[in-house]
């Protein structure tokens, strides 16, 4: 069960990292659009 908990933890970290990347990308694209 510990292994499952560890897998869940790493999965959540990956999901949060992906969300952070996508939100940064979204903000960057919005910034670029405002410059145009």
PDB file of N, CA and C in Angstrom:
ATOM      1  N   UNK A   1       0.844  -1.210   0.000  1.00  0.00           N
ATOM      2  CA  UNK A   1       0.000   0.000   0.000  1.00  0.00           C
ATOM      3  C   UNK A   1       0.876   1.256   0.000  1.00  0.00           C
ATOM      4  N   UNK A   2       2.040   1.172   0.644  1.00  0.00           N
ATOM      5  CA  UNK A   2       2.951   2.315   0.660  1.00  0.00           C
ATOM      6  C   UNK A   2       3.375   2.672  -0.754  1.00  0.00           C
ATOM      7  N   UNK A   3       3.581   1.631  -1.567  1.00  0.00           N
ATOM      8  CA  UNK A   3       4.009   1.858  -2.946  1.00  0.00           C
ATOM      9  C   UNK A   3       2.921   2.614  -3.707  1.00  0.00           C
ATOM     10  N   UNK A   4       1.665   2.245  -3.470  1.00  0.00           N
ATOM     11  CA  UNK A   4       0.566   2.929  -4.142  1.00  0.00           C
ATOM     12  C   UNK A   4       0.515   4.397  -3.728  1.00  0.00           C
ATOM     13  N   UNK A   5       0.714   4.632  -2.430  1.00  0.00           N
ATOM     14  CA  UNK A   5       0.692   6.010  -1.928  1.00  0.00           C
ATOM     15  C   UNK A   5       1.815   6.813  -2.575  1.00  0.00           C
ATOM     16  N   UNK A   6       2.969   6.176  -2.722  1.00  0.00           N
ATOM     17  CA  UNK A   6       4.109   6.854  -3.345  1.00  0.00           C
ATOM     18  C   UNK A   6       3.798   7.168  -4.800  1.00  0.00           C
ATOM     19  N   UNK A   7       3.188   6.199  -5.497  1.00  0.00           N
ATOM     20  CA  UNK A   7       2.819   6.418  -6.899  1.00  0.00           C
ATOM     21  C   UNK A   7       1.836   7.575  -7.017  1.00  0.00           C
ATOM     22  N   UNK A   8       0.863   7.618  -6.117  1.00  0.00           N
ATOM     23  CA  UNK A   8      -0.118   8.704  -6.126  1.00  0.00           C
ATOM     24  C   UNK A   8       0.574  10.047  -5.926  1.00  0.00           C
ATOM     25  N   UNK A   9       1.535  10.075  -4.995  1.00  0.00           N
ATOM     26  CA  UNK A   9       2.238  11.318  -4.687  1.00  0.00           C
ATOM     27  C   UNK A   9       3.016  11.808  -5.899  1.00  0.00           C
ATOM     28  N   UNK A  10       3.763  10.917  -6.537  1.00  0.00           N
ATOM     29  CA  UNK A  10       4.552  11.321  -7.703  1.00  0.00           C
ATOM     30  C   UNK A  10       3.626  11.727  -8.842  1.00  0.00           C
ATOM     31  N   UNK A  11       2.495  11.036  -8.971  1.00  0.00           N
ATOM     32  CA  UNK A  11       1.546  11.377 -10.031  1.00  0.00           C
ATOM     33  C   UNK A  11       0.984  12.774  -9.799  1.00  0.00           C
ATOM     34  N   UNK A  12       0.625  13.073  -8.552  1.00  0.00           N
ATOM     35  CA  UNK A  12       0.092  14.397  -8.231  1.00  0.00           C
ATOM     36  C   UNK A  12       1.135  15.475  -8.514  1.00  0.00           C
ATOM     37  N   UNK A  13       2.396  15.178  -8.177  1.00  0.00           N
ATOM     38  CA  UNK A  13       3.462  16.146  -8.436  1.00  0.00           C
ATOM     39  C   UNK A  13       3.588  16.387  -9.932  1.00  0.00           C
ATOM     40  N   UNK A  14       3.509  15.320 -10.715  1.00  0.00           N
ATOM     41  CA  UNK A  14       3.611  15.460 -12.168  1.00  0.00           C
ATOM     42  C   UNK A  14       2.453  16.289 -12.700  1.00  0.00           C
ATOM     43  N   UNK A  15       1.260  16.002 -12.211  1.00  0.00           N
ATOM     44  CA  UNK A  15       0.073  16.744 -12.657  1.00  0.00           C
ATOM     45  C   UNK A  15       0.225  18.230 -12.337  1.00  0.00           C
ATOM     46  N   UNK A  16       0.691  18.520 -11.113  1.00  0.00           N
ATOM     47  CA  UNK A  16       0.865  19.921 -10.719  1.00  0.00           C
ATOM     48  C   UNK A  16       1.919  20.595 -11.581  1.00  0.00           C
ATOM     49  N   UNK A  17       2.994  19.857 -11.898  1.00  0.00           N
ATOM     50  CA  UNK A  17       4.048  20.424 -12.741  1.00  0.00           C
ATOM     51  C   UNK A  17       3.500  20.721 -14.133  1.00  0.00           C
ATOM     52  N   UNK A  18       2.722  19.779 -14.674  1.00  0.00           N
ATOM     53  CA  UNK A  18       2.141  19.981 -16.003  1.00  0.00           C
ATOM     54  C   UNK A  18       1.212  21.191 -15.993  1.00  0.00           C
ATOM     55  N   UNK A  19       0.417  21.317 -14.931  1.00  0.00           N
ATOM     56  CA  UNK A  19      -0.504  22.461 -14.833  1.00  0.00           C
ATOM     57  C   UNK A  19       0.279  23.759 -14.754  1.00  0.00           C
ATOM     58  N   UNK A  20       1.362  23.751 -13.995  1.00  0.00           N
ATOM     59  CA  UNK A  20       2.192  24.948 -13.857  1.00  0.00           C
ATOM     60  C   UNK A  20       2.770  25.331 -15.212  1.00  0.00           C
ATOM     61  N   UNK A  21       3.258  24.335 -15.949  1.00  0.00           N
ATOM     62  CA  UNK A  21       3.830  24.602 -17.271  1.00  0.00           C
ATOM     63  C   UNK A  21       2.771  25.180 -18.199  1.00  0.00           C
ATOM     64  N   UNK A  22       1.592  24.551 -18.224  1.00  0.00           N
ATOM     65  CA  UNK A  22       0.544  25.005 -19.137  1.00  0.00           C
ATOM     66  C   UNK A  22       0.056  26.400 -18.758  1.00  0.00           C
ATOM     67  N   UNK A  23      -0.039  26.690 -17.461  1.00  0.00           N
ATOM     68  CA  UNK A  23      -0.490  28.022 -17.047  1.00  0.00           C
ATOM     69  C   UNK A  23       0.555  29.068 -17.411  1.00  0.00           C
ATOM     70  N   UNK A  24       1.841  28.716 -17.248  1.00  0.00           N
ATOM     71  CA  UNK A  24       2.910  29.641 -17.637  1.00  0.00           C
ATOM     72  C   UNK A  24       2.836  29.895 -19.134  1.00  0.00           C
ATOM     73  N   UNK A  25       2.617  28.837 -19.901  1.00  0.00           N
ATOM     74  CA  UNK A  25       2.533  28.959 -21.350  1.00  0.00           C
ATOM     75  C   UNK A  25       1.344  29.830 -21.736  1.00  0.00           C
ATOM     76  N   UNK A  26       0.219  29.630 -21.063  1.00  0.00           N
ATOM     77  CA  UNK A  26      -0.976  30.422 -21.357  1.00  0.00           C
ATOM     78  C   UNK A  26      -0.725  31.897 -21.076  1.00  0.00           C
ATOM     79  N   UNK A  27      -0.101  32.170 -19.925  1.00  0.00           N
ATOM     80  CA  UNK A  27       0.198  33.564 -19.578  1.00  0.00           C
ATOM     81  C   UNK A  27       1.146  34.173 -20.598  1.00  0.00           C
ATOM     82  N   UNK A  28       2.136  33.399 -21.026  1.00  0.00           N
ATOM     83  CA  UNK A  28       3.109  33.892 -22.000  1.00  0.00           C
ATOM     84  C   UNK A  28       2.422  34.191 -23.327  1.00  0.00           C
ATOM     85  N   UNK A  29       1.536  33.303 -23.761  1.00  0.00           N
ATOM     86  CA  UNK A  29       0.854  33.519 -25.036  1.00  0.00           C
ATOM     87  C   UNK A  29      -0.063  34.737 -24.952  1.00  0.00           C
ATOM     88  N   UNK A  30      -0.730  34.917 -23.811  1.00  0.00           N
ATOM     89  CA  UNK A  30      -1.578  36.101 -23.641  1.00  0.00           C
ATOM     90  C   UNK A  30      -0.725  37.364 -23.702  1.00  0.00           C
ATOM     91  N   UNK A  31       0.449  37.302 -23.075  1.00  0.00           N
ATOM     92  CA  UNK A  31       1.359  38.450 -23.063  1.00  0.00           C
ATOM     93  C   UNK A  31       1.799  38.769 -24.485  1.00  0.00           C
ATOM     94  N   UNK A  32       2.116  37.733 -25.254  1.00  0.00           N
ATOM     95  CA  UNK A  32       2.556  37.944 -26.633  1.00  0.00           C
ATOM     96  C   UNK A  32       1.434  38.562 -27.458  1.00  0.00           C
ATOM     97  N   UNK A  33       0.207  38.090 -27.236  1.00  0.00           N
ATOM     98  CA  UNK A  33      -0.927  38.626 -27.995  1.00  0.00           C
ATOM     99  C   UNK A  33      -1.133  40.098 -27.672  1.00  0.00           C
ATOM    100  N   UNK A  34      -0.931  40.458 -26.410  1.00  0.00           N
ATOM    101  CA  UNK A  34      -1.139  41.861 -26.024  1.00  0.00           C
ATOM    102  C   UNK A  34      -0.067  42.758 -26.645  1.00  0.00           C
ATOM    103  N   UNK A  35       1.095  42.178 -26.945  1.00  0.00           N
ATOM    104  CA  UNK A  35       2.168  42.966 -27.563  1.00  0.00           C
ATOM    105  C   UNK A  35       1.881  43.230 -29.037  1.00  0.00           C
ATOM    106  N   UNK A  36       1.189  42.272 -29.645  1.00  0.00           N
ATOM    107  CA  UNK A  36       0.936  42.403 -31.089  1.00  0.00           C
ATOM    108  C   UNK A  36      -0.095  43.503 -31.361  1.00  0.00           C
TER     109      UNK A  36
END
